[in-house]
Amino acid sequence: MIEALTYRLGDHTTSDDASRYRKDADVSPHWQREPVRRLHQYLINMGFWSKDQDDRLLKELGAEIDAAADAYLATPAPDPSIVFDYTYENLPADLLAQKQAALAAWVRQE
């Protein structure tokens, strides 16, 4: 068994701003001990990985990410009614009005 402990360097979520309750001076020293960065440097120092391999990998991954983003952007938007159809067995009246408004807006876009 391996127990790995690390310091949370980022925010909890995209809506969190950790700078409200943590000082940058408290966080920045922990970047030196960040495990992925340390492993990367270890592999380079031991000769198991190189800058050329890094560059190739980043280029390949960048192309793969770009292709995935392009495929997503080319996908037609789903019918917005699915958000409402699978939430409640019987849709409350206020949400029914929202569903109808969403469908009307969606039809205008097409």
N, C-alpha and C. Protein backbone atom coordinates (compact mmCIF):
# COMPACT_ATOMS: atom_id res chain seq x y z
N MET A 1 0.85 -1.17 0.00
CA MET A 1 0.00 0.00 0.00
C MET A 1 0.90 1.24 0.00
N ILE A 2 0.48 2.24 -0.75
CA ILE A 2 1.21 3.50 -0.79
C ILE A 2 0.28 4.60 -0.29
N GLU A 3 0.75 5.34 0.68
CA GLU A 3 0.00 6.51 1.14
C GLU A 3 0.73 7.73 0.61
N ALA A 4 0.03 8.53 -0.15
CA ALA A 4 0.63 9.72 -0.74
C ALA A 4 -0.12 10.96 -0.25
N LEU A 5 0.59 11.85 0.38
CA LEU A 5 -0.01 13.09 0.87
C LEU A 5 0.59 14.24 0.08
N THR A 6 -0.26 15.18 -0.28
CA THR A 6 0.22 16.36 -0.98
C THR A 6 -0.61 17.56 -0.56
N TYR A 7 -0.13 18.70 -0.85
CA TYR A 7 -0.79 19.96 -0.50
C TYR A 7 -1.70 20.36 -1.66
N ARG A 8 -2.90 20.80 -1.35
CA ARG A 8 -3.82 21.26 -2.39
C ARG A 8 -3.36 22.62 -2.89
N LEU A 9 -2.84 22.65 -4.10
CA LEU A 9 -2.27 23.86 -4.65
C LEU A 9 -3.31 24.79 -5.28
N GLY A 10 -4.37 24.21 -5.77
CA GLY A 10 -5.38 25.01 -6.47
C GLY A 10 -6.62 25.21 -5.64
N ASP A 11 -7.58 25.85 -6.28
CA ASP A 11 -8.88 26.06 -5.65
C ASP A 11 -9.62 24.73 -5.56
N HIS A 12 -10.62 24.66 -4.68
CA HIS A 12 -11.44 23.44 -4.58
C HIS A 12 -12.22 23.21 -5.87
N THR A 13 -12.82 24.28 -6.39
CA THR A 13 -13.64 24.20 -7.60
C THR A 13 -13.42 25.47 -8.40
N THR A 14 -14.04 25.55 -9.57
CA THR A 14 -13.92 26.75 -10.38
C THR A 14 -14.62 27.95 -9.74
N SER A 15 -15.53 27.69 -8.81
CA SER A 15 -16.20 28.80 -8.15
C SER A 15 -15.51 29.22 -6.85
N ASP A 16 -14.45 28.51 -6.50
CA ASP A 16 -13.71 28.81 -5.27
C ASP A 16 -12.58 29.78 -5.58
N ASP A 17 -12.30 30.67 -4.66
CA ASP A 17 -11.14 31.56 -4.76
C ASP A 17 -10.36 31.39 -3.47
N ALA A 18 -9.39 30.47 -3.50
CA ALA A 18 -8.64 30.15 -2.29
C ALA A 18 -7.83 31.32 -1.77
N SER A 19 -7.58 32.31 -2.61
CA SER A 19 -6.81 33.47 -2.15
C SER A 19 -7.58 34.26 -1.08
N ARG A 20 -8.86 33.99 -0.95
CA ARG A 20 -9.66 34.65 0.10
C ARG A 20 -9.27 34.15 1.49
N TYR A 21 -8.79 32.90 1.57
CA TYR A 21 -8.50 32.33 2.89
C TYR A 21 -7.09 31.74 3.00
N ARG A 22 -6.29 31.85 1.92
CA ARG A 22 -4.89 31.39 1.96
C ARG A 22 -4.00 32.43 1.33
N LYS A 23 -2.89 32.68 1.95
CA LYS A 23 -1.92 33.63 1.41
C LYS A 23 -1.06 32.92 0.36
N ASP A 24 -0.70 33.63 -0.69
CA ASP A 24 0.17 33.08 -1.73
C ASP A 24 1.50 32.63 -1.13
N ALA A 25 1.97 33.35 -0.13
CA ALA A 25 3.24 32.99 0.52
C ALA A 25 3.15 31.64 1.22
N ASP A 26 1.93 31.24 1.62
CA ASP A 26 1.76 29.93 2.26
C ASP A 26 1.70 28.81 1.21
N VAL A 27 1.22 29.13 0.03
CA VAL A 27 1.03 28.12 -1.02
C VAL A 27 2.29 27.91 -1.84
N SER A 28 2.96 28.98 -2.21
CA SER A 28 4.07 28.91 -3.18
C SER A 28 5.20 27.94 -2.79
N PRO A 29 5.58 27.81 -1.53
CA PRO A 29 6.65 26.84 -1.23
C PRO A 29 6.27 25.39 -1.57
N HIS A 30 4.99 25.10 -1.57
CA HIS A 30 4.54 23.73 -1.83
C HIS A 30 4.68 23.34 -3.31
N TRP A 31 4.81 24.33 -4.20
CA TRP A 31 5.02 24.01 -5.62
C TRP A 31 6.34 23.26 -5.82
N GLN A 32 7.31 23.51 -4.97
CA GLN A 32 8.60 22.82 -5.09
C GLN A 32 8.47 21.33 -4.79
N ARG A 33 7.47 20.96 -4.03
CA ARG A 33 7.28 19.55 -3.65
C ARG A 33 6.13 18.90 -4.40
N GLU A 34 5.61 19.57 -5.42
CA GLU A 34 4.49 19.04 -6.19
C GLU A 34 4.90 17.72 -6.84
N PRO A 35 4.17 16.62 -6.60
CA PRO A 35 4.63 15.29 -6.98
C PRO A 35 4.80 15.06 -8.48
N VAL A 36 3.92 15.58 -9.31
CA VAL A 36 4.06 15.35 -10.76
C VAL A 36 5.29 16.06 -11.28
N ARG A 37 5.49 17.28 -10.85
CA ARG A 37 6.68 18.04 -11.25
C ARG A 37 7.95 17.32 -10.79
N ARG A 38 7.95 16.82 -9.56
CA ARG A 38 9.13 16.12 -9.04
C ARG A 38 9.41 14.83 -9.82
N LEU A 39 8.35 14.07 -10.14
CA LEU A 39 8.53 12.85 -10.92
C LEU A 39 9.07 13.17 -12.30
N HIS A 40 8.55 14.19 -12.92
CA HIS A 40 9.01 14.63 -14.23
C HIS A 40 10.51 14.94 -14.18
N GLN A 41 10.91 15.71 -13.21
CA GLN A 41 12.32 16.07 -13.09
C GLN A 41 13.19 14.85 -12.78
N TYR A 42 12.69 13.95 -11.97
CA TYR A 42 13.42 12.72 -11.66
C TYR A 42 13.65 11.90 -12.93
N LEU A 43 12.61 11.73 -13.74
CA LEU A 43 12.75 10.96 -14.97
C LEU A 43 13.77 11.59 -15.92
N ILE A 44 13.79 12.90 -15.98
CA ILE A 44 14.79 13.60 -16.82
C ILE A 44 16.19 13.38 -16.25
N ASN A 45 16.33 13.57 -14.95
CA ASN A 45 17.65 13.41 -14.31
C ASN A 45 18.20 11.99 -14.46
N MET A 46 17.33 11.00 -14.46
CA MET A 46 17.76 9.61 -14.57
C MET A 46 17.94 9.16 -16.02
N GLY A 47 17.61 10.05 -16.96
CA GLY A 47 17.76 9.72 -18.37
C GLY A 47 16.62 8.90 -18.96
N PHE A 48 15.51 8.81 -18.24
CA PHE A 48 14.36 8.05 -18.73
C PHE A 48 13.41 8.90 -19.58
N TRP A 49 13.64 10.20 -19.60
CA TRP A 49 12.77 11.14 -20.33
C TRP A 49 13.62 12.30 -20.78
N SER A 50 13.21 12.96 -21.86
CA SER A 50 14.01 14.07 -22.39
C SER A 50 13.13 15.23 -22.81
N LYS A 51 13.78 16.35 -23.08
CA LYS A 51 13.07 17.54 -23.55
C LYS A 51 12.43 17.27 -24.90
N ASP A 52 13.12 16.53 -25.78
CA ASP A 52 12.55 16.20 -27.09
C ASP A 52 11.29 15.36 -26.94
N GLN A 53 11.31 14.39 -26.01
CA GLN A 53 10.13 13.57 -25.77
C GLN A 53 9.00 14.43 -25.22
N ASP A 54 9.34 15.35 -24.33
CA ASP A 54 8.36 16.28 -23.79
C ASP A 54 7.70 17.07 -24.92
N ASP A 55 8.53 17.65 -25.78
CA ASP A 55 8.02 18.48 -26.87
C ASP A 55 7.11 17.67 -27.80
N ARG A 56 7.55 16.45 -28.15
CA ARG A 56 6.73 15.59 -29.02
C ARG A 56 5.40 15.25 -28.37
N LEU A 57 5.46 14.87 -27.10
CA LEU A 57 4.24 14.50 -26.39
C LEU A 57 3.27 15.68 -26.32
N LEU A 58 3.78 16.86 -25.97
CA LEU A 58 2.92 18.03 -25.88
C LEU A 58 2.30 18.37 -27.23
N LYS A 59 3.06 18.22 -28.30
CA LYS A 59 2.53 18.49 -29.64
C LYS A 59 1.44 17.48 -29.99
N GLU A 60 1.68 16.19 -29.74
CA GLU A 60 0.69 15.15 -30.02
C GLU A 60 -0.58 15.36 -29.20
N LEU A 61 -0.40 15.63 -27.91
CA LEU A 61 -1.56 15.83 -27.06
C LEU A 61 -2.34 17.09 -27.45
N GLY A 62 -1.60 18.13 -27.83
CA GLY A 62 -2.26 19.36 -28.28
C GLY A 62 -3.12 19.10 -29.50
N ALA A 63 -2.61 18.31 -30.46
CA ALA A 63 -3.38 17.97 -31.65
C ALA A 63 -4.60 17.13 -31.28
N GLU A 64 -4.43 16.20 -30.36
CA GLU A 64 -5.54 15.35 -29.93
C GLU A 64 -6.62 16.18 -29.24
N ILE A 65 -6.20 17.10 -28.41
CA ILE A 65 -7.16 17.97 -27.71
C ILE A 65 -7.88 18.87 -28.70
N ASP A 66 -7.13 19.44 -29.65
CA ASP A 66 -7.75 20.29 -30.67
C ASP A 66 -8.79 19.51 -31.48
N ALA A 67 -8.46 18.26 -31.86
CA ALA A 67 -9.39 17.43 -32.62
C ALA A 67 -10.64 17.13 -31.80
N ALA A 68 -10.47 16.84 -30.52
CA ALA A 68 -11.62 16.57 -29.66
C ALA A 68 -12.49 17.82 -29.51
N ALA A 69 -11.86 18.97 -29.36
CA ALA A 69 -12.62 20.23 -29.24
C ALA A 69 -13.37 20.52 -30.53
N ASP A 70 -12.72 20.31 -31.67
CA ASP A 70 -13.38 20.53 -32.96
C ASP A 70 -14.57 19.60 -33.14
N ALA A 71 -14.40 18.33 -32.74
CA ALA A 71 -15.50 17.36 -32.84
C ALA A 71 -16.67 17.79 -31.95
N TYR A 72 -16.35 18.26 -30.75
CA TYR A 72 -17.41 18.72 -29.85
C TYR A 72 -18.12 19.93 -30.44
N LEU A 73 -17.37 20.88 -30.95
CA LEU A 73 -17.98 22.10 -31.49
C LEU A 73 -18.81 21.81 -32.74
N ALA A 74 -18.50 20.74 -33.45
CA ALA A 74 -19.26 20.36 -34.64
C ALA A 74 -20.52 19.57 -34.29
N THR A 75 -20.67 19.17 -33.05
CA THR A 75 -21.83 18.40 -32.63
C THR A 75 -23.03 19.33 -32.44
N PRO A 76 -24.16 18.98 -33.03
CA PRO A 76 -25.34 19.83 -32.85
C PRO A 76 -25.75 19.90 -31.38
N ALA A 77 -26.28 21.04 -31.01
CA ALA A 77 -26.75 21.22 -29.63
C ALA A 77 -27.91 20.27 -29.36
N PRO A 78 -27.93 19.64 -28.17
CA PRO A 78 -29.04 18.73 -27.87
C PRO A 78 -30.32 19.51 -27.58
N ASP A 79 -31.41 18.84 -27.75
CA ASP A 79 -32.72 19.41 -27.43
C ASP A 79 -32.73 19.77 -25.95
N PRO A 80 -33.00 21.04 -25.59
CA PRO A 80 -32.95 21.43 -24.18
C PRO A 80 -34.02 20.78 -23.31
N SER A 81 -35.01 20.17 -23.92
CA SER A 81 -36.06 19.56 -23.11
C SER A 81 -35.55 18.38 -22.30
N ILE A 82 -34.41 17.78 -22.70
CA ILE A 82 -33.91 16.62 -21.95
C ILE A 82 -33.53 16.99 -20.52
N VAL A 83 -33.15 18.24 -20.30
CA VAL A 83 -32.82 18.67 -18.94
C VAL A 83 -34.06 18.57 -18.06
N PHE A 84 -35.19 18.88 -18.62
CA PHE A 84 -36.44 18.88 -17.86
C PHE A 84 -37.09 17.49 -17.82
N ASP A 85 -36.95 16.73 -18.90
CA ASP A 85 -37.68 15.46 -19.03
C ASP A 85 -37.19 14.39 -18.07
N TYR A 86 -35.96 14.46 -17.62
CA TYR A 86 -35.42 13.37 -16.80
C TYR A 86 -35.13 13.81 -15.35
N THR A 87 -35.75 14.91 -14.95
CA THR A 87 -35.54 15.41 -13.59
C THR A 87 -36.73 15.07 -12.69
N TYR A 88 -37.92 15.26 -13.19
CA TYR A 88 -39.14 15.03 -12.41
C TYR A 88 -40.05 14.06 -13.16
N GLU A 89 -40.80 13.28 -12.41
CA GLU A 89 -41.82 12.44 -13.04
C GLU A 89 -42.93 13.32 -13.59
N ASN A 90 -43.37 14.27 -12.75
CA ASN A 90 -44.39 15.25 -13.17
C ASN A 90 -43.77 16.64 -13.01
N LEU A 91 -43.56 17.30 -14.12
CA LEU A 91 -42.88 18.59 -14.12
C LEU A 91 -43.74 19.66 -13.46
N PRO A 92 -43.23 20.35 -12.42
CA PRO A 92 -43.98 21.45 -11.79
C PRO A 92 -44.29 22.56 -12.81
N ALA A 93 -45.34 23.29 -12.58
CA ALA A 93 -45.82 24.30 -13.52
C ALA A 93 -44.75 25.34 -13.85
N ASP A 94 -43.99 25.80 -12.83
CA ASP A 94 -42.99 26.84 -13.10
C ASP A 94 -41.87 26.29 -14.00
N LEU A 95 -41.53 25.02 -13.83
CA LEU A 95 -40.50 24.44 -14.68
C LEU A 95 -41.04 24.12 -16.08
N LEU A 96 -42.31 23.85 -16.16
CA LEU A 96 -42.93 23.64 -17.47
C LEU A 96 -42.82 24.93 -18.29
N ALA A 97 -43.07 26.06 -17.64
CA ALA A 97 -42.94 27.35 -18.33
C ALA A 97 -41.49 27.58 -18.76
N GLN A 98 -40.53 27.22 -17.91
CA GLN A 98 -39.11 27.35 -18.28
C GLN A 98 -38.77 26.44 -19.46
N LYS A 99 -39.31 25.24 -19.44
CA LYS A 99 -39.06 24.30 -20.53
C LYS A 99 -39.58 24.86 -21.85
N GLN A 100 -40.80 25.38 -21.82
CA GLN A 100 -41.39 25.94 -23.03
C GLN A 100 -40.58 27.13 -23.54
N ALA A 101 -40.09 27.98 -22.62
CA ALA A 101 -39.26 29.12 -23.02
C ALA A 101 -37.93 28.66 -23.61
N ALA A 102 -37.34 27.64 -23.00
CA ALA A 102 -36.06 27.10 -23.52
C ALA A 102 -36.25 26.51 -24.90
N LEU A 103 -37.33 25.78 -25.10
CA LEU A 103 -37.61 25.18 -26.41
C LEU A 103 -37.86 26.25 -27.46
N ALA A 104 -38.57 27.30 -27.08
CA ALA A 104 -38.84 28.39 -28.02
C ALA A 104 -37.54 29.09 -28.44
N ALA A 105 -36.66 29.31 -27.48
CA ALA A 105 -35.36 29.95 -27.78
C ALA A 105 -34.51 29.04 -28.65
N TRP A 106 -34.56 27.75 -28.39
CA TRP A 106 -33.75 26.77 -29.12
C TRP A 106 -34.23 26.69 -30.58
N VAL A 107 -35.53 26.71 -30.78
CA VAL A 107 -36.09 26.64 -32.14
C VAL A 107 -35.70 27.89 -32.92
N ARG A 108 -35.67 29.05 -32.28
CA ARG A 108 -35.28 30.30 -32.95
C ARG A 108 -33.82 30.26 -33.40
N GLN A 109 -32.97 29.55 -32.65
CA GLN A 109 -31.55 29.47 -33.00
C GLN A 109 -31.30 28.63 -34.23
N GLU A 110 -32.14 27.66 -34.46
CA GLU A 110 -31.91 26.73 -35.58
C GLU A 110 -32.28 27.31 -36.90
